[in-house]
Amino acid sequence: MAKRKSSGFFESVKTVVYALLIALVIRTVAFEPFNIPSGSMLPTLEIGDYLFVSKFSYGYSQHSLPLSLPLIPGRILFSEPERGDVAVFKLPSDNKTDYIKRIVGVPGDKIQVKDGRLKINGKTVDRRKIKDYLMLGEFG
């Protein structure tokens, strides 16, 4: 009887360990959850929102792997980012903080902010009012 309880316990532990390993692999190479920490993406993404980010949207490189292991030469399964995509990145000067921003320019574009207005390749991007947004809480 004691042997049966003991083997049942170890079977449960083994199942939990397998589940954790599978979750770790998925988080490392496929998807990762992120929390929106600031109001810079309001009203589309609100403070405290969670999103799952696909890690293979723009392909894989050695920097996609833990510790930037040099197992992949160059980039594989590569696709170009598009205007409007939400991207998550780290600054080279601050490798700890995740920045979540919307892409406004693609390779080859000239981006300017002049008098508070966004310009892409010399053309001012039109702003259109979607709706009034009332922010309550610590900022409003």
N, C-alpha and C. Protein backbone atom coordinates (compact mmCIF):
# COMPACT_ATOMS: atom_id res chain seq x y z
N MET A 1 0.82 -1.19 0.00
CA MET A 1 0.00 0.00 0.00
C MET A 1 0.87 1.26 0.00
N ALA A 2 1.92 1.29 0.84
CA ALA A 2 2.80 2.45 0.91
C ALA A 2 3.53 2.66 -0.41
N LYS A 3 3.87 1.55 -1.08
CA LYS A 3 4.56 1.66 -2.35
C LYS A 3 3.67 2.31 -3.41
N ARG A 4 2.39 1.99 -3.38
CA ARG A 4 1.44 2.55 -4.34
C ARG A 4 1.30 4.06 -4.14
N LYS A 5 1.18 4.52 -2.86
CA LYS A 5 1.09 5.96 -2.58
C LYS A 5 2.36 6.66 -3.01
N SER A 6 3.50 6.05 -2.74
CA SER A 6 4.78 6.64 -3.09
C SER A 6 4.92 6.78 -4.60
N SER A 7 4.56 5.74 -5.35
CA SER A 7 4.69 5.82 -6.80
C SER A 7 3.69 6.82 -7.38
N GLY A 8 2.52 6.96 -6.77
CA GLY A 8 1.55 7.96 -7.21
C GLY A 8 2.07 9.37 -7.01
N PHE A 9 2.76 9.61 -5.90
CA PHE A 9 3.35 10.92 -5.61
C PHE A 9 4.42 11.24 -6.65
N PHE A 10 5.32 10.28 -6.91
CA PHE A 10 6.40 10.53 -7.87
C PHE A 10 5.85 10.70 -9.28
N GLU A 11 4.78 10.01 -9.59
CA GLU A 11 4.14 10.18 -10.89
C GLU A 11 3.59 11.60 -11.03
N SER A 12 3.01 12.13 -9.97
CA SER A 12 2.50 13.50 -9.97
C SER A 12 3.63 14.50 -10.11
N VAL A 13 4.73 14.27 -9.39
CA VAL A 13 5.89 15.17 -9.49
C VAL A 13 6.44 15.14 -10.91
N LYS A 14 6.54 13.95 -11.49
CA LYS A 14 7.05 13.81 -12.85
C LYS A 14 6.15 14.56 -13.84
N THR A 15 4.86 14.48 -13.67
CA THR A 15 3.91 15.19 -14.55
C THR A 15 4.09 16.70 -14.44
N VAL A 16 4.26 17.20 -13.22
CA VAL A 16 4.46 18.64 -13.02
C VAL A 16 5.78 19.08 -13.65
N VAL A 17 6.84 18.30 -13.49
CA VAL A 17 8.14 18.63 -14.08
C VAL A 17 8.03 18.67 -15.61
N TYR A 18 7.36 17.69 -16.21
CA TYR A 18 7.16 17.69 -17.67
C TYR A 18 6.38 18.93 -18.11
N ALA A 19 5.34 19.27 -17.39
CA ALA A 19 4.54 20.44 -17.74
C ALA A 19 5.37 21.72 -17.68
N LEU A 20 6.20 21.84 -16.64
CA LEU A 20 7.07 23.02 -16.51
C LEU A 20 8.10 23.08 -17.64
N LEU A 21 8.68 21.94 -18.00
CA LEU A 21 9.65 21.92 -19.10
C LEU A 21 9.00 22.31 -20.43
N ILE A 22 7.81 21.79 -20.68
CA ILE A 22 7.10 22.15 -21.92
C ILE A 22 6.78 23.64 -21.94
N ALA A 23 6.31 24.18 -20.82
CA ALA A 23 6.00 25.62 -20.73
C ALA A 23 7.26 26.45 -20.94
N LEU A 24 8.38 26.02 -20.39
CA LEU A 24 9.65 26.75 -20.54
C LEU A 24 10.10 26.76 -22.00
N VAL A 25 10.00 25.63 -22.67
CA VAL A 25 10.39 25.56 -24.08
C VAL A 25 9.48 26.45 -24.92
N ILE A 26 8.17 26.39 -24.69
CA ILE A 26 7.24 27.23 -25.45
C ILE A 26 7.54 28.71 -25.21
N ARG A 27 7.79 29.08 -23.97
CA ARG A 27 8.08 30.48 -23.65
C ARG A 27 9.41 30.93 -24.26
N THR A 28 10.37 30.03 -24.33
CA THR A 28 11.68 30.38 -24.85
C THR A 28 11.68 30.54 -26.36
N VAL A 29 10.98 29.68 -27.10
CA VAL A 29 11.09 29.70 -28.55
C VAL A 29 9.82 30.10 -29.30
N ALA A 30 8.67 30.16 -28.66
CA ALA A 30 7.44 30.40 -29.42
C ALA A 30 6.68 31.65 -28.98
N PHE A 31 6.22 31.69 -27.75
CA PHE A 31 5.39 32.80 -27.27
C PHE A 31 5.85 33.21 -25.88
N GLU A 32 5.67 34.50 -25.58
CA GLU A 32 6.00 34.99 -24.24
C GLU A 32 4.95 36.01 -23.81
N PRO A 33 4.48 35.92 -22.57
CA PRO A 33 3.50 36.90 -22.09
C PRO A 33 4.21 38.19 -21.66
N PHE A 34 3.57 39.32 -21.92
CA PHE A 34 4.08 40.62 -21.49
C PHE A 34 2.95 41.41 -20.86
N ASN A 35 3.31 42.27 -19.93
CA ASN A 35 2.37 43.15 -19.24
C ASN A 35 2.64 44.56 -19.71
N ILE A 36 1.60 45.33 -20.00
CA ILE A 36 1.76 46.72 -20.42
C ILE A 36 2.00 47.57 -19.17
N PRO A 37 3.22 48.15 -19.01
CA PRO A 37 3.56 48.86 -17.78
C PRO A 37 3.21 50.34 -17.77
N SER A 38 3.01 50.94 -18.96
CA SER A 38 2.81 52.39 -18.99
C SER A 38 1.67 52.74 -19.95
N GLY A 39 1.31 54.01 -19.97
CA GLY A 39 0.22 54.48 -20.80
C GLY A 39 0.64 54.93 -22.18
N SER A 40 1.84 54.58 -22.64
CA SER A 40 2.30 55.07 -23.94
C SER A 40 1.54 54.49 -25.13
N MET A 41 0.79 53.42 -24.93
CA MET A 41 0.03 52.81 -26.03
C MET A 41 -1.47 53.03 -25.89
N LEU A 42 -1.88 53.92 -24.97
CA LEU A 42 -3.30 54.21 -24.78
C LEU A 42 -3.89 54.83 -26.03
N PRO A 43 -5.12 54.62 -26.38
CA PRO A 43 -6.11 53.78 -25.73
C PRO A 43 -6.13 52.34 -26.24
N THR A 44 -5.24 52.00 -27.19
CA THR A 44 -5.25 50.65 -27.76
C THR A 44 -4.89 49.59 -26.73
N LEU A 45 -3.77 49.80 -26.05
CA LEU A 45 -3.34 48.89 -24.99
C LEU A 45 -3.30 49.68 -23.69
N GLU A 46 -4.01 49.21 -22.69
CA GLU A 46 -4.11 49.93 -21.43
C GLU A 46 -3.13 49.39 -20.40
N ILE A 47 -2.81 50.22 -19.42
CA ILE A 47 -1.91 49.82 -18.34
C ILE A 47 -2.47 48.57 -17.68
N GLY A 48 -1.62 47.56 -17.52
CA GLY A 48 -2.04 46.32 -16.88
C GLY A 48 -2.52 45.26 -17.85
N ASP A 49 -2.74 45.63 -19.12
CA ASP A 49 -3.15 44.63 -20.11
C ASP A 49 -2.03 43.60 -20.29
N TYR A 50 -2.41 42.40 -20.64
CA TYR A 50 -1.45 41.35 -20.96
C TYR A 50 -1.58 41.00 -22.43
N LEU A 51 -0.46 40.65 -23.06
CA LEU A 51 -0.51 40.17 -24.41
C LEU A 51 0.52 39.07 -24.58
N PHE A 52 0.23 38.13 -25.47
CA PHE A 52 1.18 37.08 -25.80
C PHE A 52 1.85 37.47 -27.10
N VAL A 53 3.17 37.47 -27.09
CA VAL A 53 3.95 37.89 -28.24
C VAL A 53 4.52 36.66 -28.93
N SER A 54 4.32 36.58 -30.23
CA SER A 54 4.90 35.51 -31.02
C SER A 54 6.38 35.80 -31.23
N LYS A 55 7.23 34.87 -30.89
CA LYS A 55 8.67 35.07 -31.05
C LYS A 55 9.16 34.72 -32.44
N PHE A 56 8.30 34.18 -33.29
CA PHE A 56 8.76 33.82 -34.62
C PHE A 56 8.15 34.68 -35.72
N SER A 57 7.57 35.82 -35.36
CA SER A 57 6.97 36.70 -36.37
C SER A 57 7.99 37.20 -37.38
N TYR A 58 9.19 37.52 -36.93
CA TYR A 58 10.22 38.07 -37.82
C TYR A 58 11.39 37.12 -38.00
N GLY A 59 11.21 35.85 -37.66
CA GLY A 59 12.25 34.85 -37.84
C GLY A 59 13.08 34.65 -36.59
N TYR A 60 14.04 33.75 -36.71
CA TYR A 60 14.92 33.42 -35.59
C TYR A 60 16.36 33.75 -35.93
N SER A 61 17.12 34.15 -34.92
CA SER A 61 18.56 34.33 -35.05
C SER A 61 19.17 33.80 -33.76
N GLN A 62 20.49 33.92 -33.65
CA GLN A 62 21.13 33.45 -32.41
C GLN A 62 20.61 34.23 -31.21
N HIS A 63 20.14 35.46 -31.42
CA HIS A 63 19.65 36.29 -30.31
C HIS A 63 18.25 35.88 -29.87
N SER A 64 17.62 34.98 -30.61
CA SER A 64 16.32 34.44 -30.21
C SER A 64 16.47 33.35 -29.16
N LEU A 65 17.67 32.86 -29.00
CA LEU A 65 17.94 31.75 -28.09
C LEU A 65 18.44 32.27 -26.75
N PRO A 66 18.26 31.49 -25.68
CA PRO A 66 18.80 31.90 -24.38
C PRO A 66 20.31 32.08 -24.48
N LEU A 67 20.81 33.11 -23.83
CA LEU A 67 22.24 33.42 -23.79
C LEU A 67 22.83 33.73 -25.16
N SER A 68 21.99 33.99 -26.16
CA SER A 68 22.43 34.29 -27.53
C SER A 68 23.41 33.24 -28.05
N LEU A 69 23.09 31.98 -27.83
CA LEU A 69 23.96 30.89 -28.29
C LEU A 69 24.08 30.93 -29.81
N PRO A 70 25.31 30.85 -30.35
CA PRO A 70 25.51 30.96 -31.80
C PRO A 70 25.22 29.67 -32.55
N LEU A 71 24.00 29.15 -32.43
CA LEU A 71 23.63 27.90 -33.10
C LEU A 71 23.02 28.13 -34.47
N ILE A 72 22.55 29.36 -34.72
CA ILE A 72 21.88 29.68 -35.98
C ILE A 72 22.70 30.75 -36.71
N PRO A 73 23.19 30.45 -37.93
CA PRO A 73 23.90 31.49 -38.69
C PRO A 73 22.89 32.43 -39.35
N GLY A 74 23.04 33.72 -39.14
CA GLY A 74 22.13 34.68 -39.75
C GLY A 74 20.74 34.60 -39.16
N ARG A 75 19.72 34.72 -40.03
CA ARG A 75 18.33 34.71 -39.59
C ARG A 75 17.57 33.72 -40.48
N ILE A 76 16.73 32.89 -39.84
CA ILE A 76 15.94 31.93 -40.61
C ILE A 76 14.45 32.25 -40.45
N LEU A 77 13.66 31.83 -41.42
CA LEU A 77 12.21 32.09 -41.44
C LEU A 77 11.92 33.58 -41.29
N PHE A 78 12.69 34.39 -42.01
CA PHE A 78 12.64 35.84 -41.86
C PHE A 78 11.46 36.44 -42.60
N SER A 79 10.79 37.42 -41.96
CA SER A 79 9.77 38.24 -42.62
C SER A 79 9.95 39.67 -42.13
N GLU A 80 9.59 40.61 -42.97
CA GLU A 80 9.77 42.03 -42.65
C GLU A 80 8.67 42.53 -41.71
N PRO A 81 9.03 43.41 -40.78
CA PRO A 81 7.99 44.05 -39.97
C PRO A 81 7.16 44.99 -40.84
N GLU A 82 5.93 45.22 -40.42
CA GLU A 82 5.04 46.12 -41.15
C GLU A 82 4.61 47.27 -40.25
N ARG A 83 4.28 48.40 -40.88
CA ARG A 83 3.76 49.53 -40.12
C ARG A 83 2.53 49.11 -39.34
N GLY A 84 2.46 49.50 -38.09
CA GLY A 84 1.31 49.18 -37.26
C GLY A 84 1.51 47.96 -36.38
N ASP A 85 2.53 47.14 -36.68
CA ASP A 85 2.81 45.98 -35.82
C ASP A 85 3.22 46.46 -34.44
N VAL A 86 2.90 45.67 -33.43
CA VAL A 86 3.37 45.94 -32.07
C VAL A 86 4.62 45.10 -31.86
N ALA A 87 5.71 45.75 -31.46
CA ALA A 87 6.99 45.06 -31.28
C ALA A 87 7.45 45.18 -29.83
N VAL A 88 8.14 44.16 -29.37
CA VAL A 88 8.73 44.15 -28.03
C VAL A 88 10.24 44.05 -28.22
N PHE A 89 10.98 44.92 -27.55
CA PHE A 89 12.44 44.92 -27.71
C PHE A 89 13.10 45.43 -26.44
N LYS A 90 14.41 45.25 -26.38
CA LYS A 90 15.23 45.78 -25.30
C LYS A 90 16.22 46.75 -25.93
N LEU A 91 16.49 47.85 -25.25
CA LEU A 91 17.51 48.78 -25.73
C LEU A 91 18.88 48.18 -25.46
N PRO A 92 19.86 48.41 -26.35
CA PRO A 92 21.21 47.91 -26.07
C PRO A 92 21.78 48.47 -24.77
N SER A 93 21.40 49.70 -24.42
CA SER A 93 21.92 50.31 -23.20
C SER A 93 21.18 49.86 -21.94
N ASP A 94 20.01 49.23 -22.11
CA ASP A 94 19.21 48.76 -20.96
C ASP A 94 18.64 47.39 -21.31
N ASN A 95 19.42 46.36 -21.06
CA ASN A 95 19.05 45.01 -21.48
C ASN A 95 18.06 44.34 -20.54
N LYS A 96 17.54 45.07 -19.55
CA LYS A 96 16.63 44.48 -18.58
C LYS A 96 15.16 44.85 -18.84
N THR A 97 14.92 46.04 -19.38
CA THR A 97 13.56 46.54 -19.56
C THR A 97 13.02 46.17 -20.93
N ASP A 98 11.81 45.62 -20.95
CA ASP A 98 11.13 45.33 -22.21
C ASP A 98 10.34 46.56 -22.63
N TYR A 99 10.53 47.00 -23.87
CA TYR A 99 9.78 48.13 -24.42
C TYR A 99 8.75 47.57 -25.40
N ILE A 100 7.51 48.03 -25.27
CA ILE A 100 6.42 47.58 -26.13
C ILE A 100 5.93 48.80 -26.89
N LYS A 101 6.17 48.81 -28.20
CA LYS A 101 5.86 49.98 -29.02
C LYS A 101 5.26 49.55 -30.35
N ARG A 102 4.62 50.50 -31.02
CA ARG A 102 4.04 50.24 -32.34
C ARG A 102 5.04 50.71 -33.40
N ILE A 103 5.19 49.93 -34.46
CA ILE A 103 6.13 50.26 -35.53
C ILE A 103 5.49 51.32 -36.43
N VAL A 104 6.19 52.44 -36.62
CA VAL A 104 5.67 53.50 -37.49
C VAL A 104 6.46 53.60 -38.78
N GLY A 105 7.65 53.02 -38.82
CA GLY A 105 8.46 53.06 -40.03
C GLY A 105 9.07 51.71 -40.32
N VAL A 106 9.31 51.46 -41.59
CA VAL A 106 9.93 50.22 -42.02
C VAL A 106 11.31 50.55 -42.60
N PRO A 107 12.16 49.55 -42.80
CA PRO A 107 13.50 49.85 -43.32
C PRO A 107 13.45 50.71 -44.58
N GLY A 108 14.26 51.76 -44.57
CA GLY A 108 14.31 52.70 -45.69
C GLY A 108 13.49 53.96 -45.48
N ASP A 109 12.58 53.97 -44.51
CA ASP A 109 11.77 55.15 -44.23
C ASP A 109 12.58 56.19 -43.47
N LYS A 110 12.24 57.45 -43.71
CA LYS A 110 12.81 58.56 -42.94
C LYS A 110 11.72 59.03 -41.98
N ILE A 111 11.98 58.90 -40.68
CA ILE A 111 10.98 59.23 -39.66
C ILE A 111 11.38 60.53 -38.97
N GLN A 112 10.43 61.45 -38.83
CA GLN A 112 10.65 62.72 -38.13
C GLN A 112 9.44 63.03 -37.27
N VAL A 113 9.69 63.73 -36.17
CA VAL A 113 8.61 64.34 -35.40
C VAL A 113 8.92 65.82 -35.41
N LYS A 114 8.06 66.58 -36.07
CA LYS A 114 8.27 68.01 -36.24
C LYS A 114 7.04 68.74 -35.74
N ASP A 115 7.22 69.64 -34.79
CA ASP A 115 6.11 70.38 -34.19
C ASP A 115 5.05 69.44 -33.63
N GLY A 116 5.50 68.32 -33.07
CA GLY A 116 4.58 67.37 -32.46
C GLY A 116 3.82 66.50 -33.45
N ARG A 117 4.16 66.58 -34.72
CA ARG A 117 3.48 65.78 -35.76
C ARG A 117 4.46 64.77 -36.35
N LEU A 118 3.98 63.56 -36.58
CA LEU A 118 4.79 62.49 -37.16
C LEU A 118 4.87 62.66 -38.67
N LYS A 119 6.10 62.58 -39.19
CA LYS A 119 6.31 62.63 -40.64
C LYS A 119 7.04 61.36 -41.06
N ILE A 120 6.52 60.73 -42.11
CA ILE A 120 7.16 59.56 -42.69
C ILE A 120 7.51 59.90 -44.13
N ASN A 121 8.80 59.85 -44.44
CA ASN A 121 9.31 60.19 -45.78
C ASN A 121 8.84 61.57 -46.23
N GLY A 122 8.84 62.53 -45.29
CA GLY A 122 8.49 63.90 -45.60
C GLY A 122 7.00 64.21 -45.60
N LYS A 123 6.15 63.22 -45.48
CA LYS A 123 4.70 63.44 -45.49
C LYS A 123 4.16 63.35 -44.07
N THR A 124 3.37 64.35 -43.69
CA THR A 124 2.76 64.36 -42.36
C THR A 124 1.68 63.29 -42.29
N VAL A 125 1.74 62.50 -41.23
CA VAL A 125 0.74 61.45 -41.03
C VAL A 125 -0.51 62.10 -40.46
N ASP A 126 -1.63 61.90 -41.14
CA ASP A 126 -2.89 62.48 -40.68
C ASP A 126 -3.32 61.82 -39.38
N ARG A 127 -3.80 62.65 -38.49
CA ARG A 127 -4.39 62.13 -37.25
C ARG A 127 -5.89 62.20 -37.40
N ARG A 128 -6.55 61.16 -36.95
CA ARG A 128 -8.00 61.20 -36.97
C ARG A 128 -8.51 60.83 -35.59
N LYS A 129 -9.53 61.54 -35.19
CA LYS A 129 -10.11 61.30 -33.88
C LYS A 129 -10.99 60.06 -33.95
N ILE A 130 -10.69 59.10 -33.10
CA ILE A 130 -11.50 57.88 -33.06
C ILE A 130 -12.65 58.09 -32.11
N LYS A 131 -12.35 58.52 -30.91
CA LYS A 131 -13.37 58.84 -29.91
C LYS A 131 -12.69 59.55 -28.75
N ASP A 132 -13.49 60.19 -27.92
CA ASP A 132 -12.94 60.80 -26.72
C ASP A 132 -12.49 59.69 -25.78
N TYR A 133 -11.41 59.96 -25.08
CA TYR A 133 -10.89 58.96 -24.14
C TYR A 133 -10.67 59.65 -22.81
N LEU A 134 -11.38 59.20 -21.80
CA LEU A 134 -11.26 59.75 -20.46
C LEU A 134 -10.46 58.78 -19.61
N MET A 135 -9.33 59.27 -19.11
CA MET A 135 -8.47 58.41 -18.31
C MET A 135 -8.66 58.74 -16.85
N LEU A 136 -9.10 57.78 -16.09
CA LEU A 136 -9.31 57.97 -14.66
C LEU A 136 -8.19 57.28 -13.90
N GLY A 137 -7.99 57.71 -12.68
CA GLY A 137 -6.97 57.05 -11.87
C GLY A 137 -5.82 57.98 -11.58
N GLU A 138 -4.64 57.40 -11.42
CA GLU A 138 -3.51 58.20 -10.96
C GLU A 138 -3.03 59.23 -11.97
N PHE A 139 -3.35 59.06 -13.27
CA PHE A 139 -2.92 60.03 -14.27
C PHE A 139 -4.01 60.99 -14.69
N GLY A 140 -5.27 60.74 -14.33
CA GLY A 140 -6.37 61.54 -14.87
C GLY A 140 -7.15 62.28 -13.84
